[in-house]
Protein backbone atom coordinates (compact mmCIF):
# COMPACT_ATOMS: atom_id res chain seq x y z
CA UNK A 1 20.01 -8.66 6.35
CA UNK A 2 21.95 -11.89 6.15
CA UNK A 3 21.17 -12.23 2.46
CA UNK A 4 22.80 -8.91 1.66
CA UNK A 5 19.57 -7.65 0.12
CA UNK A 6 18.86 -3.93 0.25
CA UNK A 7 15.52 -2.20 0.15
CA UNK A 8 16.62 1.21 -1.12
CA UNK A 9 17.50 0.70 -4.77
CA UNK A 10 15.61 -2.27 -6.11
CA UNK A 11 12.90 -4.77 -5.55
CA UNK A 12 14.69 -7.45 -3.59
CA UNK A 13 12.47 -10.26 -4.80
CA UNK A 14 15.11 -11.65 -7.14
CA UNK A 15 16.19 -15.24 -7.41
CA UNK A 16 19.33 -14.31 -5.44
CA UNK A 17 17.26 -13.08 -2.53
CA UNK A 18 15.29 -16.30 -2.37
CA UNK A 19 18.39 -18.46 -2.77
CA UNK A 20 19.91 -16.66 0.23
CA UNK A 21 17.17 -18.19 2.35
CA UNK A 22 17.93 -21.66 1.06
CA UNK A 23 14.58 -21.88 -0.70
CA UNK A 24 13.93 -22.63 -4.37
CA UNK A 25 12.19 -19.77 -6.11
CA UNK A 26 8.68 -20.98 -7.01
CA UNK A 27 6.95 -19.91 -10.18
CA UNK A 28 3.27 -19.27 -10.85
CA UNK A 29 2.56 -20.15 -14.48
CA UNK A 30 0.30 -18.01 -16.63
CA UNK A 31 -2.82 -19.82 -17.83
CA UNK A 32 -5.89 -18.93 -19.91
CA UNK A 33 -8.52 -16.67 -18.36
CA UNK A 34 -11.49 -18.32 -16.63
CA UNK A 35 -15.04 -16.96 -16.91
CA UNK A 36 -16.70 -14.55 -14.49
CA UNK A 37 -19.32 -17.19 -13.71
CA UNK A 38 -16.70 -19.65 -12.51
CA UNK A 39 -15.18 -17.18 -10.05
CA UNK A 40 -18.58 -15.98 -8.89
CA UNK A 41 -19.53 -19.55 -8.06
CA UNK A 42 -16.48 -19.90 -5.84
CA UNK A 43 -17.23 -16.62 -4.10
CA UNK A 44 -20.81 -17.71 -3.52
CA UNK A 45 -19.40 -20.87 -1.89
CA UNK A 46 -17.37 -18.78 0.58
CA UNK A 47 -14.19 -19.36 -1.40
CA UNK A 48 -14.50 -23.13 -1.73
CA UNK A 49 -13.25 -24.28 -5.18
CA UNK A 50 -15.25 -26.88 -7.13
CA UNK A 51 -14.54 -30.57 -6.64
CA UNK A 52 -11.23 -31.64 -8.07
CA UNK A 53 -9.70 -28.15 -7.93
CA UNK A 54 -7.86 -26.38 -5.13
CA UNK A 55 -7.21 -22.73 -4.39
CA UNK A 56 -3.50 -23.25 -5.01
CA UNK A 57 -4.15 -24.84 -8.41
CA UNK A 58 -6.30 -21.87 -9.40
CA UNK A 59 -3.90 -19.15 -8.23
CA UNK A 60 -2.24 -18.56 -11.64
CA UNK A 61 -5.62 -17.93 -13.29
CA UNK A 62 -6.75 -15.77 -10.38
CA UNK A 63 -3.65 -13.60 -10.68
CA UNK A 64 -4.33 -13.03 -14.37
CA UNK A 65 -7.86 -11.93 -13.47
CA UNK A 66 -6.42 -9.62 -10.80
CA UNK A 67 -4.52 -7.75 -13.52
CA UNK A 68 -7.46 -7.49 -15.93
CA UNK A 69 -8.74 -4.12 -17.21
CA UNK A 70 -12.25 -5.53 -16.70
CA UNK A 71 -13.39 -3.93 -13.41
CA UNK A 72 -15.99 -6.58 -12.64
CA UNK A 73 -13.48 -9.39 -13.04
CA UNK A 74 -10.66 -7.58 -11.25
CA UNK A 75 -12.40 -5.71 -8.40
CA UNK A 76 -15.55 -7.67 -7.71
CA UNK A 77 -14.28 -11.20 -8.27
CA UNK A 78 -10.50 -11.68 -8.33
CA UNK A 79 -9.60 -9.29 -5.53
CA UNK A 80 -12.42 -10.44 -3.25
CA UNK A 81 -11.52 -14.07 -3.82
CA UNK A 82 -7.82 -13.43 -3.22
CA UNK A 83 -8.74 -11.74 0.06
CA UNK A 84 -10.85 -14.76 1.03
CA UNK A 85 -8.16 -17.30 0.21
CA UNK A 86 -5.36 -15.38 1.94
CA UNK A 87 -7.27 -15.13 5.22
CA UNK A 88 -9.09 -18.48 5.23
CA UNK A 89 -6.17 -20.90 5.42
CA UNK A 90 -6.80 -22.35 1.95
CA UNK A 91 -3.26 -21.52 0.86
CA UNK A 92 -0.19 -23.22 2.30
CA UNK A 93 2.67 -21.09 3.68
CA UNK A 94 4.74 -22.04 0.61
CA UNK A 95 1.96 -20.89 -1.72
CA UNK A 96 1.59 -17.66 0.26
CA UNK A 97 5.31 -16.98 -0.09
CA UNK A 98 5.19 -17.66 -3.83
CA UNK A 99 2.18 -15.37 -4.12
CA UNK A 100 4.03 -12.64 -2.23
CA UNK A 101 6.99 -12.92 -4.59
CA UNK A 102 4.81 -12.81 -7.69
CA UNK A 103 2.90 -9.72 -6.59
CA UNK A 104 6.02 -7.87 -5.45
CA UNK A 105 7.61 -8.51 -8.84
CA UNK A 106 4.58 -6.95 -10.52
CA UNK A 107 4.91 -3.62 -8.75
CA UNK A 108 7.29 -2.11 -11.30
CA UNK A 109 6.07 -3.88 -14.45
CA UNK A 110 5.44 -1.23 -17.09
CA UNK A 111 6.07 1.61 -14.66
CA UNK A 112 8.09 3.48 -17.31
CA UNK A 113 5.06 3.53 -19.63
CA UNK A 114 2.26 5.27 -17.73
CA UNK A 115 -1.16 5.32 -19.32
CA UNK A 116 -1.57 1.71 -20.41
CA UNK A 117 -3.52 -1.12 -18.80
CA UNK A 118 -0.51 -2.47 -16.95
CA UNK A 119 -1.34 0.07 -14.27
CA UNK A 120 -3.99 -2.36 -12.99
CA UNK A 121 -1.38 -5.11 -12.77
CA UNK A 122 0.74 -2.87 -10.54
CA UNK A 123 -1.94 -1.31 -8.40
CA UNK A 124 -3.79 -4.51 -7.61
CA UNK A 125 -0.48 -6.19 -6.84
CA UNK A 126 -0.08 -3.53 -4.14
CA UNK A 127 -3.55 -4.25 -2.81
CA UNK A 128 -2.95 -7.99 -2.81
CA UNK A 129 0.33 -7.50 -0.96
CA UNK A 130 -1.53 -5.49 1.67
CA UNK A 131 -3.69 -8.55 2.35
CA UNK A 132 -0.64 -10.80 2.56
CA UNK A 133 1.25 -8.49 4.91
CA UNK A 134 -1.82 -8.16 7.10
CA UNK A 135 -2.05 -11.94 7.31
CA UNK A 136 1.67 -12.21 8.08
CA UNK A 137 1.24 -9.73 10.93
CA UNK A 138 -1.25 -12.10 12.60
CA UNK A 139 -0.08 -15.52 11.42
CA UNK A 140 3.56 -15.22 10.28
CA UNK A 141 4.70 -17.02 7.14
CA UNK A 142 7.36 -14.63 5.80
CA UNK A 143 10.97 -14.56 6.96
CA UNK A 144 12.34 -11.13 7.82
CA UNK A 145 14.35 -10.75 4.61
CA UNK A 146 11.29 -11.52 2.50
CA UNK A 147 9.14 -9.04 4.40
CA UNK A 148 11.84 -6.43 4.00
CA UNK A 149 11.92 -7.16 0.29
CA UNK A 150 8.22 -6.31 0.12
CA UNK A 151 8.90 -3.16 2.15
CA UNK A 152 11.58 -2.01 -0.28
CA UNK A 153 9.33 -2.79 -3.23
CA UNK A 154 6.49 -0.77 -1.73
CA UNK A 155 8.67 2.27 -1.09
CA UNK A 156 10.09 2.13 -4.59
CA UNK A 157 6.64 1.81 -6.12
CA UNK A 158 5.38 4.80 -4.10
CA UNK A 159 8.28 6.88 -5.38
CA UNK A 160 8.29 5.79 -9.02
CA UNK A 161 4.67 5.33 -10.07
CA UNK A 162 3.73 8.06 -12.57
CA UNK A 163 0.32 6.77 -13.60
CA UNK A 164 -1.69 8.45 -10.86
CA UNK A 165 -5.13 7.88 -12.30
CA UNK A 166 -7.78 7.19 -9.70
CA UNK A 167 -10.99 6.02 -11.36
CA UNK A 168 -10.67 5.11 -15.05
CA UNK A 169 -13.96 5.28 -16.99
CA UNK A 170 -14.92 1.85 -18.29
CA UNK A 171 -12.07 0.15 -16.44
CA UNK A 172 -12.65 1.05 -12.81
CA UNK A 173 -10.16 1.83 -10.10
CA UNK A 174 -6.43 2.12 -10.74
CA UNK A 175 -5.79 4.13 -7.55
CA UNK A 176 -2.12 3.23 -7.16
CA UNK A 177 -1.26 5.78 -4.48
CA UNK A 178 -4.20 4.71 -2.33
CA UNK A 179 -3.41 1.02 -2.75
CA UNK A 180 0.26 1.36 -1.82
CA UNK A 181 -0.77 3.53 1.12
CA UNK A 182 -2.83 0.59 2.38
CA UNK A 183 0.21 -1.65 1.96
CA UNK A 184 2.45 0.74 3.88
CA UNK A 185 -0.15 0.99 6.65
CA UNK A 186 0.00 -2.78 7.16
CA UNK A 187 3.79 -2.78 6.87
CA UNK A 188 4.01 -0.25 9.70
CA UNK A 189 2.70 -3.00 12.00
CA UNK A 190 5.14 -5.68 10.91
CA UNK A 191 7.27 -7.00 13.79
CA UNK A 192 10.15 -7.22 11.30
CA UNK A 193 10.33 -3.43 10.90
CA UNK A 194 11.68 -0.92 13.40
CA UNK A 195 11.58 2.79 14.11
CA UNK A 196 14.02 3.63 11.30
CA UNK A 197 11.81 1.77 8.82
CA UNK A 198 8.73 3.63 9.99
CA UNK A 199 10.67 6.84 9.47
CA UNK A 200 11.25 5.73 5.87
CA UNK A 201 7.49 5.29 5.46
CA UNK A 202 6.98 8.89 6.56
CA UNK A 203 9.76 10.06 4.26
CA UNK A 204 8.23 8.21 1.32
CA UNK A 205 4.84 9.78 1.99
CA UNK A 206 6.37 13.25 2.13
CA UNK A 207 8.25 12.71 -1.13
CA UNK A 208 5.09 11.52 -2.87
CA UNK A 209 3.12 14.55 -1.69
CA UNK A 210 5.90 16.93 -2.73
CA UNK A 211 6.65 15.21 -6.05
CA UNK A 212 7.08 17.42 -9.08
CA UNK A 213 3.95 17.11 -11.17
CA UNK A 214 0.55 18.60 -11.78
CA UNK A 215 -1.59 15.80 -10.32
CA UNK A 216 -3.90 16.98 -7.54
CA UNK A 217 -5.23 14.01 -5.61
CA UNK A 218 -9.02 13.89 -5.83
CA UNK A 219 -9.90 10.29 -5.03
CA UNK A 220 -9.06 10.31 -1.29
CA UNK A 221 -5.44 9.32 -1.87
CA UNK A 222 -4.36 11.85 0.75
CA UNK A 223 -6.70 10.26 3.29
CA UNK A 224 -5.25 6.80 2.72
CA UNK A 225 -1.72 8.21 3.01
CA UNK A 226 -2.73 9.85 6.29
CA UNK A 227 -3.90 6.50 7.65
CA UNK A 228 -0.54 4.97 6.71
CA UNK A 229 1.23 7.83 8.45
CA UNK A 230 -0.78 7.26 11.63
CA UNK A 231 0.33 3.63 11.56
CA UNK A 232 3.98 4.71 11.37
CA UNK A 233 3.60 7.49 13.93
CA UNK A 234 1.71 5.37 16.42
CA UNK A 235 4.28 2.57 16.51
CA UNK A 236 6.96 4.82 17.95
CA UNK A 237 9.74 7.03 16.62
CA UNK A 238 12.77 8.67 18.26
CA UNK A 239 12.02 11.94 20.05
CA UNK A 240 11.59 14.88 17.72
CA UNK A 241 11.50 12.86 14.49
CA UNK A 242 7.76 13.20 13.91
CA UNK A 243 7.75 16.94 14.62
CA UNK A 244 10.71 17.50 12.29
CA UNK A 245 8.97 15.46 9.58
CA UNK A 246 5.84 17.58 9.85
CA UNK A 247 7.86 20.77 9.53
CA UNK A 248 9.81 19.46 6.53
CA UNK A 249 6.60 18.32 4.86
CA UNK A 250 5.58 21.92 4.29
CA UNK A 251 8.96 23.07 2.92
CA UNK A 252 10.13 22.50 -0.68
CA UNK A 253 13.40 23.88 -2.03
CA UNK A 254 13.97 25.84 1.15
CA UNK A 255 10.66 27.67 0.85
CA UNK A 256 7.53 26.95 2.83
CA UNK A 257 4.47 25.99 0.83
CA UNK A 258 1.95 28.80 1.00
CA UNK A 259 -0.80 30.52 -0.92
CA UNK A 260 1.89 31.91 -3.23
CA UNK A 261 2.81 28.35 -4.22
CA UNK A 262 -0.37 28.21 -6.27
CA UNK A 263 0.97 30.50 -8.99
CA UNK A 264 2.02 27.57 -11.21
CA UNK A 265 0.52 24.10 -11.84
CA UNK A 266 3.26 22.20 -9.98
CA UNK A 267 3.07 24.49 -6.98
CA UNK A 268 -0.71 24.25 -7.04
CA UNK A 269 -0.58 20.46 -6.92
CA UNK A 270 1.99 20.38 -4.12
CA UNK A 271 0.12 22.90 -2.03
CA UNK A 272 -3.23 21.14 -2.31
CA UNK A 273 -1.83 17.64 -1.85
CA UNK A 274 0.12 18.53 1.30
CA UNK A 275 -2.74 20.63 2.63
CA UNK A 276 -5.29 17.88 1.99
CA UNK A 277 -3.02 15.31 3.64
CA UNK A 278 -2.55 17.42 6.78
CA UNK A 279 -6.27 18.14 7.05
CA UNK A 280 -7.06 14.43 6.77
CA UNK A 281 -4.29 13.51 9.22
CA UNK A 282 -5.58 15.99 11.79
CA UNK A 283 -9.18 14.91 11.37
CA UNK A 284 -8.35 11.21 11.72
CA UNK A 285 -6.38 11.92 14.89
CA UNK A 286 -8.99 14.15 16.46
CA UNK A 287 -12.17 12.44 15.25
CA UNK A 288 -11.66 8.69 14.80
CA UNK A 289 -14.73 6.69 13.69
CA UNK A 290 -16.69 4.84 16.34
CA UNK A 291 -16.40 1.55 14.48
CA UNK A 292 -14.32 -0.14 11.79
CA UNK A 293 -15.50 -2.24 8.87
CA UNK A 294 -16.41 -5.88 9.54
CA UNK A 295 -13.65 -8.44 9.41
CA UNK A 296 -10.85 -6.00 10.22
CA UNK A 297 -8.03 -7.43 12.32
CA UNK A 298 -8.27 -6.54 15.99
CA UNK A 299 -5.02 -4.55 16.08
CA UNK A 300 -6.20 -2.41 13.15
CA UNK A 301 -9.70 -2.02 14.54
CA UNK A 302 -8.21 -0.63 17.74
CA UNK A 303 -6.14 1.92 15.83
CA UNK A 304 -9.01 3.04 13.62
CA UNK A 305 -11.37 3.67 16.54
CA UNK A 306 -8.70 4.98 18.94
CA UNK A 307 -5.44 6.18 17.33
CA UNK A 308 -2.32 5.47 19.41
CA UNK A 309 -1.51 8.16 22.02
CA UNK A 310 1.89 8.77 20.40
CA UNK A 311 0.11 9.76 17.19
CA UNK A 312 -2.70 11.71 18.85
CA UNK A 313 -0.13 13.82 20.70
CA UNK A 314 1.00 15.15 17.32
CA UNK A 315 -2.39 16.67 16.46
CA UNK A 316 -1.40 20.18 17.65
CA UNK A 317 1.78 19.98 15.57
CA UNK A 318 -0.26 18.98 12.52
CA UNK A 319 -2.47 22.01 13.07
CA UNK A 320 0.63 24.16 13.43
CA UNK A 321 1.99 22.89 10.12
CA UNK A 322 -1.28 23.76 8.42
CA UNK A 323 -1.25 27.25 9.86
CA UNK A 324 2.37 27.75 8.85
CA UNK A 325 1.47 27.15 5.22
CA UNK A 326 -1.73 29.17 5.60
CA UNK A 327 -3.68 26.07 4.74
CA UNK A 328 -6.56 26.88 7.08
């Protein structure tokens, strides 16, 4: 891009990236936490803040709540209110851009120390970014270089997150892989990204599924990754790329994943994660739901209920990949 920012080695949400656009980097100041009752009152009022306060004034406090280990505050109040404000026009384009920068910067905070509560700061940043990218797809407010910065941040987070907890007792959902899958799904529809970028989404998904570790996904992470893959596949790729990706997905270290892969914990995790992903991918292509959840954007609703022909055409190849690894 004109700013010289890359999306392969770092989160390009630095001050330099923003200066390249000629804009001053805004800051969202940290403030004391507000009570559950206060946020619930705003939600009950369809997102309307109390007299004398605005959504933009309350954003710093809301973002602190979004990172809280308290599941009621984080999931049931802060995230729902952020969703409401992003899609209701209560935030100016400048505030939306500042919010995008803040959340993208959070994606790698504490990523080298898996197991602590900062995981919620990262994973709900990914979910918040998904809402922002979805809004940008319909009502643009991000310049291309800023959207690409989010894209690079998302790919790096997918590759580097090691805290793969799904549901945490007493603290609720962490679910980082599922949340970044949602973000990548929305990014696949961005007009700023092309076929090569969608290929990088598929490559990132494959790397995550084949990652060396003993974590077997058991909270529908593979299903959310499959939805993201359909978004990338359905938007168009060069001939043969999707088929080659499917074949490579089942091969690690020159050997095809198979029943024999389950002889050690790492092989067991890889086998089951890839197998579960392919099963979910095939099912979503062959048996889409008849309806999508209320409030979903029209372009996403259409994909959910009728996957793009370019993606559906791959269903036999998905089945072939499963058979090759003796996954069915």
